[in-house]
Amino acid sequence: MLIGLISDTHDNLPLIEKAVNFLNQKEVELVLHAGDFIAPFSLKPLGKLRCPWWGVFGNNDGEKEGLRKNSEGRIQAAPLEISKEGRKIVLMHEFQDREGDILVFGHTHHPEIRREKGKLLVNPGEVCGYLSGRPTLAVVDISNLRAEIIALS
């Protein structure tokens, strides 16, 4: 099962749309957003995903009620635990060491894949590209715990 990971979209609609198009072409079966959506209007492109998606609030998400309502409850407080194919995935914005097979986080805007204590840790970087100038996302194959960072530009 392929899962798409995004984070720190920060209202950048053109790059959110580019990420959605890429993830649809890749035929991921689930998308997880590690926070910092910012405004509710930025959720509209996510409606074009051809798979379910879930997210957690980030430290810059101020209008939480609007985000919760417009996401139909798909955005929740972190950590969010999801089980897929016998794997426990923990989604958060700021990294915290948790029990799970895959820990997904954002916040730093820097893409990272590492293994620690038998866990796969993935920060997909920033879709917005504002801090690094390099918009990225990640794709994880949960069957073999392999992850890849994808540059969107």
N, C-alpha and C. Protein backbone atom coordinates (compact mmCIF):
# COMPACT_ATOMS: atom_id res chain seq x y z
N MET A 1 0.85 -1.19 0.00
CA MET A 1 0.00 0.00 0.00
C MET A 1 0.88 1.24 0.00
N LEU A 2 0.63 2.13 -0.93
CA LEU A 2 1.35 3.40 -1.00
C LEU A 2 0.57 4.48 -0.27
N ILE A 3 1.30 5.23 0.55
CA ILE A 3 0.71 6.35 1.28
C ILE A 3 1.48 7.61 0.90
N GLY A 4 0.74 8.68 0.61
CA GLY A 4 1.34 9.98 0.34
C GLY A 4 1.41 10.79 1.62
N LEU A 5 2.53 11.45 1.83
CA LEU A 5 2.73 12.28 3.03
C LEU A 5 3.02 13.70 2.60
N ILE A 6 2.26 14.63 3.18
CA ILE A 6 2.49 16.05 2.92
C ILE A 6 2.47 16.81 4.25
N SER A 7 3.02 17.99 4.23
CA SER A 7 3.03 18.83 5.43
C SER A 7 3.27 20.27 5.02
N ASP A 8 2.97 21.16 5.92
CA ASP A 8 3.32 22.57 5.79
C ASP A 8 2.95 23.12 4.41
N THR A 9 1.66 23.03 4.10
CA THR A 9 1.17 23.55 2.82
C THR A 9 1.00 25.06 2.85
N HIS A 10 0.75 25.63 4.02
CA HIS A 10 0.72 27.08 4.24
C HIS A 10 -0.01 27.87 3.14
N ASP A 11 -1.20 27.40 2.77
CA ASP A 11 -2.08 28.13 1.83
C ASP A 11 -1.53 28.26 0.41
N ASN A 12 -0.48 27.57 0.05
CA ASN A 12 0.07 27.71 -1.30
C ASN A 12 -0.74 26.84 -2.26
N LEU A 13 -1.85 27.39 -2.75
CA LEU A 13 -2.78 26.63 -3.58
C LEU A 13 -2.15 26.01 -4.83
N PRO A 14 -1.34 26.73 -5.60
CA PRO A 14 -0.76 26.09 -6.78
C PRO A 14 0.08 24.85 -6.45
N LEU A 15 0.85 24.90 -5.37
CA LEU A 15 1.67 23.75 -5.02
C LEU A 15 0.85 22.65 -4.34
N ILE A 16 -0.20 23.01 -3.62
CA ILE A 16 -1.09 21.98 -3.08
C ILE A 16 -1.73 21.21 -4.24
N GLU A 17 -2.18 21.94 -5.25
CA GLU A 17 -2.77 21.29 -6.43
C GLU A 17 -1.75 20.41 -7.14
N LYS A 18 -0.51 20.87 -7.23
CA LYS A 18 0.55 20.08 -7.86
C LYS A 18 0.79 18.79 -7.06
N ALA A 19 0.80 18.90 -5.74
CA ALA A 19 0.98 17.72 -4.88
C ALA A 19 -0.18 16.74 -5.06
N VAL A 20 -1.40 17.24 -5.10
CA VAL A 20 -2.57 16.39 -5.29
C VAL A 20 -2.50 15.68 -6.64
N ASN A 21 -2.14 16.40 -7.68
CA ASN A 21 -2.02 15.78 -9.00
C ASN A 21 -0.97 14.68 -9.00
N PHE A 22 0.17 14.94 -8.38
CA PHE A 22 1.23 13.93 -8.32
C PHE A 22 0.74 12.69 -7.56
N LEU A 23 0.11 12.90 -6.41
CA LEU A 23 -0.34 11.77 -5.59
C LEU A 23 -1.42 10.96 -6.30
N ASN A 24 -2.28 11.63 -7.05
CA ASN A 24 -3.29 10.92 -7.85
C ASN A 24 -2.62 10.09 -8.95
N GLN A 25 -1.63 10.67 -9.61
CA GLN A 25 -0.92 9.93 -10.66
C GLN A 25 -0.16 8.73 -10.09
N LYS A 26 0.35 8.88 -8.88
CA LYS A 26 1.09 7.81 -8.21
C LYS A 26 0.14 6.73 -7.68
N GLU A 27 -1.16 7.04 -7.67
CA GLU A 27 -2.22 6.13 -7.19
C GLU A 27 -2.03 5.71 -5.74
N VAL A 28 -1.68 6.69 -4.89
CA VAL A 28 -1.59 6.39 -3.47
C VAL A 28 -2.98 6.05 -2.96
N GLU A 29 -3.03 5.27 -1.91
CA GLU A 29 -4.32 4.82 -1.36
C GLU A 29 -4.75 5.60 -0.13
N LEU A 30 -3.86 6.45 0.37
CA LEU A 30 -4.14 7.27 1.54
C LEU A 30 -3.16 8.43 1.53
N VAL A 31 -3.63 9.61 1.96
CA VAL A 31 -2.75 10.77 2.12
C VAL A 31 -2.85 11.25 3.56
N LEU A 32 -1.69 11.52 4.16
CA LEU A 32 -1.62 12.05 5.51
C LEU A 32 -0.94 13.41 5.47
N HIS A 33 -1.56 14.39 6.12
CA HIS A 33 -1.04 15.76 6.17
C HIS A 33 -0.59 16.05 7.60
N ALA A 34 0.69 16.39 7.76
CA ALA A 34 1.27 16.59 9.09
C ALA A 34 1.14 18.01 9.62
N GLY A 35 0.15 18.75 9.15
CA GLY A 35 -0.17 20.03 9.77
C GLY A 35 0.37 21.27 9.10
N ASP A 36 -0.14 22.39 9.57
CA ASP A 36 0.08 23.73 9.02
C ASP A 36 -0.57 23.87 7.63
N PHE A 37 -1.89 23.65 7.65
CA PHE A 37 -2.73 23.92 6.49
C PHE A 37 -2.86 25.44 6.35
N ILE A 38 -3.16 26.10 7.42
CA ILE A 38 -3.36 27.52 7.69
C ILE A 38 -4.84 27.88 7.58
N ALA A 39 -5.37 28.20 6.41
CA ALA A 39 -6.76 28.65 6.29
C ALA A 39 -7.64 27.56 5.68
N PRO A 40 -8.93 27.56 6.04
CA PRO A 40 -9.85 26.56 5.51
C PRO A 40 -9.93 26.52 3.98
N PHE A 41 -9.74 27.66 3.31
CA PHE A 41 -9.84 27.63 1.84
C PHE A 41 -8.76 26.76 1.21
N SER A 42 -7.68 26.52 1.93
CA SER A 42 -6.57 25.72 1.38
C SER A 42 -6.90 24.23 1.31
N LEU A 43 -8.04 23.84 1.85
CA LEU A 43 -8.44 22.43 1.81
C LEU A 43 -9.09 22.04 0.48
N LYS A 44 -9.54 23.03 -0.28
CA LYS A 44 -10.28 22.74 -1.51
C LYS A 44 -9.52 21.79 -2.45
N PRO A 45 -8.24 22.01 -2.73
CA PRO A 45 -7.54 21.07 -3.63
C PRO A 45 -7.51 19.64 -3.10
N LEU A 46 -7.52 19.47 -1.78
CA LEU A 46 -7.48 18.12 -1.23
C LEU A 46 -8.74 17.33 -1.57
N GLY A 47 -9.82 18.04 -1.89
CA GLY A 47 -11.05 17.40 -2.32
C GLY A 47 -10.91 16.67 -3.65
N LYS A 48 -9.83 16.96 -4.39
CA LYS A 48 -9.60 16.30 -5.68
C LYS A 48 -8.78 15.02 -5.54
N LEU A 49 -8.36 14.70 -4.31
CA LEU A 49 -7.65 13.44 -4.10
C LEU A 49 -8.57 12.27 -4.42
N ARG A 50 -8.03 11.24 -5.02
CA ARG A 50 -8.81 10.04 -5.36
C ARG A 50 -8.71 8.97 -4.28
N CYS A 51 -8.34 9.39 -3.09
CA CYS A 51 -8.22 8.47 -1.96
C CYS A 51 -8.58 9.23 -0.69
N PRO A 52 -8.78 8.52 0.41
CA PRO A 52 -9.04 9.21 1.68
C PRO A 52 -7.81 9.99 2.14
N TRP A 53 -8.06 10.99 2.96
CA TRP A 53 -6.96 11.73 3.58
C TRP A 53 -7.31 12.10 5.01
N TRP A 54 -6.27 12.23 5.83
CA TRP A 54 -6.39 12.64 7.22
C TRP A 54 -5.29 13.64 7.52
N GLY A 55 -5.49 14.46 8.53
CA GLY A 55 -4.47 15.42 8.91
C GLY A 55 -4.53 15.75 10.38
N VAL A 56 -3.49 16.43 10.83
CA VAL A 56 -3.44 16.93 12.20
C VAL A 56 -3.16 18.42 12.16
N PHE A 57 -3.54 19.09 13.22
CA PHE A 57 -3.29 20.52 13.32
C PHE A 57 -1.81 20.79 13.56
N GLY A 58 -1.31 21.87 12.97
CA GLY A 58 0.05 22.33 13.20
C GLY A 58 0.05 23.57 14.07
N ASN A 59 1.21 24.07 14.39
CA ASN A 59 1.32 25.22 15.29
C ASN A 59 0.84 26.52 14.65
N ASN A 60 0.70 26.59 13.32
CA ASN A 60 0.23 27.80 12.66
C ASN A 60 -1.24 27.75 12.25
N ASP A 61 -1.91 26.66 12.55
CA ASP A 61 -3.32 26.51 12.19
C ASP A 61 -4.18 27.23 13.22
N GLY A 62 -4.53 28.48 12.92
CA GLY A 62 -5.27 29.29 13.88
C GLY A 62 -6.76 29.08 13.85
N GLU A 63 -7.33 28.89 12.68
CA GLU A 63 -8.78 28.76 12.54
C GLU A 63 -9.18 27.28 12.58
N LYS A 64 -8.94 26.68 13.73
CA LYS A 64 -9.14 25.23 13.87
C LYS A 64 -10.57 24.80 13.62
N GLU A 65 -11.52 25.56 14.09
CA GLU A 65 -12.92 25.15 13.89
C GLU A 65 -13.29 25.16 12.41
N GLY A 66 -12.85 26.17 11.68
CA GLY A 66 -13.11 26.21 10.25
C GLY A 66 -12.41 25.08 9.51
N LEU A 67 -11.19 24.77 9.92
CA LEU A 67 -10.47 23.65 9.30
C LEU A 67 -11.16 22.33 9.61
N ARG A 68 -11.57 22.16 10.86
CA ARG A 68 -12.26 20.93 11.26
C ARG A 68 -13.56 20.77 10.47
N LYS A 69 -14.33 21.84 10.38
CA LYS A 69 -15.62 21.79 9.68
C LYS A 69 -15.43 21.54 8.19
N ASN A 70 -14.55 22.30 7.54
CA ASN A 70 -14.34 22.17 6.10
C ASN A 70 -13.67 20.85 5.71
N SER A 71 -13.00 20.21 6.66
CA SER A 71 -12.38 18.91 6.38
C SER A 71 -13.32 17.76 6.72
N GLU A 72 -14.51 18.11 7.18
CA GLU A 72 -15.50 17.11 7.62
C GLU A 72 -14.91 16.19 8.70
N GLY A 73 -14.14 16.80 9.61
CA GLY A 73 -13.58 16.07 10.74
C GLY A 73 -12.31 15.30 10.45
N ARG A 74 -11.76 15.44 9.25
CA ARG A 74 -10.55 14.69 8.91
C ARG A 74 -9.29 15.29 9.53
N ILE A 75 -9.36 16.56 9.98
CA ILE A 75 -8.22 17.16 10.66
C ILE A 75 -8.48 17.08 12.15
N GLN A 76 -7.55 16.51 12.87
CA GLN A 76 -7.71 16.27 14.30
C GLN A 76 -6.48 16.73 15.06
N ALA A 77 -6.60 16.72 16.38
CA ALA A 77 -5.45 17.04 17.23
C ALA A 77 -4.44 15.91 17.14
N ALA A 78 -3.18 16.27 17.20
CA ALA A 78 -2.11 15.27 17.16
C ALA A 78 -1.86 14.71 18.57
N PRO A 79 -1.38 13.50 18.66
CA PRO A 79 -1.06 12.58 17.57
C PRO A 79 -2.30 11.82 17.11
N LEU A 80 -2.33 11.51 15.83
CA LEU A 80 -3.39 10.71 15.24
C LEU A 80 -2.79 9.35 14.89
N GLU A 81 -3.38 8.29 15.42
CA GLU A 81 -2.89 6.94 15.17
C GLU A 81 -3.79 6.25 14.17
N ILE A 82 -3.16 5.64 13.15
CA ILE A 82 -3.88 4.97 12.09
C ILE A 82 -3.24 3.60 11.89
N SER A 83 -4.05 2.57 11.75
CA SER A 83 -3.53 1.23 11.46
C SER A 83 -3.88 0.85 10.03
N LYS A 84 -2.88 0.44 9.28
CA LYS A 84 -3.05 -0.01 7.89
C LYS A 84 -2.15 -1.22 7.67
N GLU A 85 -2.73 -2.27 7.14
CA GLU A 85 -1.99 -3.49 6.80
C GLU A 85 -1.09 -3.95 7.95
N GLY A 86 -1.61 -3.89 9.17
CA GLY A 86 -0.86 -4.35 10.32
C GLY A 86 0.22 -3.41 10.80
N ARG A 87 0.30 -2.23 10.22
CA ARG A 87 1.30 -1.25 10.63
C ARG A 87 0.62 -0.11 11.39
N LYS A 88 1.26 0.33 12.44
CA LYS A 88 0.76 1.47 13.20
C LYS A 88 1.49 2.72 12.72
N ILE A 89 0.71 3.68 12.24
CA ILE A 89 1.24 4.94 11.74
C ILE A 89 0.81 6.03 12.72
N VAL A 90 1.75 6.84 13.15
CA VAL A 90 1.46 7.94 14.07
C VAL A 90 1.75 9.25 13.33
N LEU A 91 0.73 10.08 13.22
CA LEU A 91 0.83 11.37 12.52
C LEU A 91 0.84 12.50 13.53
N MET A 92 1.81 13.39 13.39
CA MET A 92 1.93 14.53 14.30
C MET A 92 2.55 15.70 13.54
N HIS A 93 2.50 16.89 14.12
CA HIS A 93 3.17 18.03 13.48
C HIS A 93 4.60 18.13 13.98
N GLU A 94 4.77 18.32 15.26
CA GLU A 94 6.10 18.40 15.85
C GLU A 94 6.49 17.01 16.32
N PHE A 95 7.72 16.61 16.07
CA PHE A 95 8.15 15.25 16.38
C PHE A 95 8.09 14.96 17.87
N GLN A 96 7.54 13.80 18.17
CA GLN A 96 7.57 13.21 19.51
C GLN A 96 7.81 11.72 19.32
N ASP A 97 8.69 11.15 20.10
CA ASP A 97 8.93 9.72 19.99
C ASP A 97 7.71 8.98 20.53
N ARG A 98 7.12 8.18 19.70
CA ARG A 98 5.90 7.43 20.03
C ARG A 98 6.08 5.98 19.62
N GLU A 99 5.22 5.12 20.16
CA GLU A 99 5.19 3.73 19.73
C GLU A 99 4.49 3.65 18.39
N GLY A 100 5.12 3.00 17.43
CA GLY A 100 4.52 2.84 16.12
C GLY A 100 5.55 2.35 15.13
N ASP A 101 5.08 1.92 13.97
CA ASP A 101 5.98 1.45 12.92
C ASP A 101 6.47 2.61 12.07
N ILE A 102 5.57 3.59 11.83
CA ILE A 102 5.90 4.75 11.00
C ILE A 102 5.49 6.00 11.75
N LEU A 103 6.43 6.90 11.99
CA LEU A 103 6.14 8.19 12.62
C LEU A 103 6.27 9.26 11.55
N VAL A 104 5.19 10.01 11.35
CA VAL A 104 5.15 11.06 10.33
C VAL A 104 5.04 12.40 11.03
N PHE A 105 5.89 13.33 10.65
CA PHE A 105 5.87 14.65 11.28
C PHE A 105 6.28 15.70 10.25
N GLY A 106 6.09 16.95 10.60
CA GLY A 106 6.45 18.08 9.75
C GLY A 106 7.17 19.12 10.57
N HIS A 107 6.68 20.36 10.51
CA HIS A 107 7.10 21.49 11.33
C HIS A 107 8.45 22.10 10.94
N THR A 108 9.46 21.30 10.68
CA THR A 108 10.79 21.86 10.42
C THR A 108 10.94 22.34 8.98
N HIS A 109 10.06 21.91 8.09
CA HIS A 109 10.10 22.23 6.67
C HIS A 109 11.27 21.56 5.95
N HIS A 110 11.97 20.68 6.62
CA HIS A 110 13.12 19.99 6.02
C HIS A 110 12.79 18.51 5.85
N PRO A 111 12.83 18.00 4.61
CA PRO A 111 12.53 16.59 4.39
C PRO A 111 13.57 15.70 5.05
N GLU A 112 13.07 14.58 5.56
CA GLU A 112 13.97 13.68 6.30
C GLU A 112 13.36 12.29 6.32
N ILE A 113 14.21 11.30 6.11
CA ILE A 113 13.82 9.90 6.29
C ILE A 113 14.92 9.27 7.12
N ARG A 114 14.53 8.64 8.22
CA ARG A 114 15.53 7.95 9.03
C ARG A 114 14.88 6.78 9.77
N ARG A 115 15.70 5.89 10.22
CA ARG A 115 15.23 4.75 11.02
C ARG A 115 15.83 4.90 12.41
N GLU A 116 14.96 4.66 13.38
CA GLU A 116 15.39 4.81 14.76
C GLU A 116 14.60 3.83 15.62
N LYS A 117 15.30 3.01 16.37
CA LYS A 117 14.66 2.05 17.27
C LYS A 117 13.64 1.19 16.54
N GLY A 118 13.96 0.79 15.32
CA GLY A 118 13.07 -0.07 14.55
C GLY A 118 11.88 0.64 13.92
N LYS A 119 11.85 1.97 14.00
CA LYS A 119 10.75 2.75 13.44
C LYS A 119 11.23 3.51 12.21
N LEU A 120 10.31 3.73 11.29
CA LEU A 120 10.57 4.59 10.13
C LEU A 120 10.04 5.97 10.47
N LEU A 121 10.91 6.97 10.45
CA LEU A 121 10.53 8.36 10.73
C LEU A 121 10.61 9.15 9.43
N VAL A 122 9.51 9.83 9.10
CA VAL A 122 9.45 10.56 7.84
C VAL A 122 8.91 11.97 8.06
N ASN A 123 9.69 12.94 7.62
CA ASN A 123 9.23 14.31 7.51
C ASN A 123 9.20 14.60 6.01
N PRO A 124 8.02 14.81 5.42
CA PRO A 124 7.96 15.04 3.98
C PRO A 124 8.47 16.40 3.53
N GLY A 125 8.85 17.25 4.47
CA GLY A 125 9.29 18.59 4.12
C GLY A 125 8.11 19.52 3.96
N GLU A 126 8.26 20.52 3.13
CA GLU A 126 7.21 21.53 2.96
C GLU A 126 6.67 21.51 1.53
N VAL A 127 5.35 21.41 1.41
CA VAL A 127 4.74 21.55 0.10
C VAL A 127 4.84 23.00 -0.36
N CYS A 128 4.72 23.93 0.57
CA CYS A 128 4.67 25.36 0.21
C CYS A 128 5.96 25.88 -0.42
N GLY A 129 7.10 25.33 -0.03
CA GLY A 129 8.37 25.79 -0.57
C GLY A 129 8.82 27.15 -0.07
N TYR A 130 8.15 27.71 0.91
CA TYR A 130 8.46 29.07 1.35
C TYR A 130 9.81 29.20 2.06
N LEU A 131 10.15 28.26 2.92
CA LEU A 131 11.40 28.41 3.68
C LEU A 131 12.61 27.87 2.93
N SER A 132 12.44 26.74 2.29
CA SER A 132 13.58 26.10 1.65
C SER A 132 13.70 26.45 0.17
N GLY A 133 12.60 26.91 -0.43
CA GLY A 133 12.59 27.13 -1.87
C GLY A 133 12.48 25.82 -2.64
N ARG A 134 12.24 24.73 -1.92
CA ARG A 134 12.18 23.39 -2.52
C ARG A 134 10.93 22.67 -2.01
N PRO A 135 9.82 22.75 -2.73
CA PRO A 135 8.61 22.05 -2.29
C PRO A 135 8.78 20.54 -2.45
N THR A 136 8.43 19.81 -1.39
CA THR A 136 8.57 18.36 -1.39
C THR A 136 7.38 17.68 -0.73
N LEU A 137 7.29 16.39 -0.99
CA LEU A 137 6.35 15.50 -0.30
C LEU A 137 7.05 14.15 -0.20
N ALA A 138 6.39 13.17 0.40
CA ALA A 138 6.98 11.83 0.52
C ALA A 138 5.94 10.79 0.15
N VAL A 139 6.44 9.65 -0.30
CA VAL A 139 5.61 8.49 -0.57
C VAL A 139 6.22 7.32 0.20
N VAL A 140 5.36 6.58 0.91
CA VAL A 140 5.82 5.44 1.70
C VAL A 140 5.08 4.20 1.24
N ASP A 141 5.83 3.13 1.01
CA ASP A 141 5.25 1.82 0.76
C ASP A 141 5.23 1.11 2.11
N ILE A 142 4.05 0.96 2.69
CA ILE A 142 4.01 0.41 4.05
C ILE A 142 4.25 -1.09 4.08
N SER A 143 4.19 -1.74 2.94
CA SER A 143 4.45 -3.19 2.94
C SER A 143 5.91 -3.49 3.24
N ASN A 144 6.82 -2.63 2.77
CA ASN A 144 8.25 -2.86 3.01
C ASN A 144 8.93 -1.72 3.77
N LEU A 145 8.13 -0.77 4.24
CA LEU A 145 8.63 0.38 5.00
C LEU A 145 9.73 1.15 4.26
N ARG A 146 9.50 1.38 2.99
CA ARG A 146 10.41 2.19 2.20
C ARG A 146 9.75 3.54 1.90
N ALA A 147 10.54 4.59 2.07
CA ALA A 147 10.03 5.94 1.85
C ALA A 147 10.92 6.66 0.85
N GLU A 148 10.31 7.61 0.15
CA GLU A 148 11.02 8.40 -0.84
C GLU A 148 10.55 9.84 -0.75
N ILE A 149 11.49 10.77 -0.77
CA ILE A 149 11.17 12.21 -0.83
C ILE A 149 11.07 12.58 -2.31
N ILE A 150 10.00 13.31 -2.66
CA ILE A 150 9.76 13.74 -4.04
C ILE A 150 9.80 15.26 -4.09
N ALA A 151 10.61 15.81 -4.98
CA ALA A 151 10.64 17.25 -5.20
C ALA A 151 9.51 17.60 -6.18
N LEU A 152 8.74 18.64 -5.85
CA LEU A 152 7.61 19.05 -6.68
C LEU A 152 7.99 20.07 -7.75
N SER A 153 9.21 20.54 -7.75
CA SER A 153 9.60 21.54 -8.76
C SER A 153 10.78 21.07 -9.57
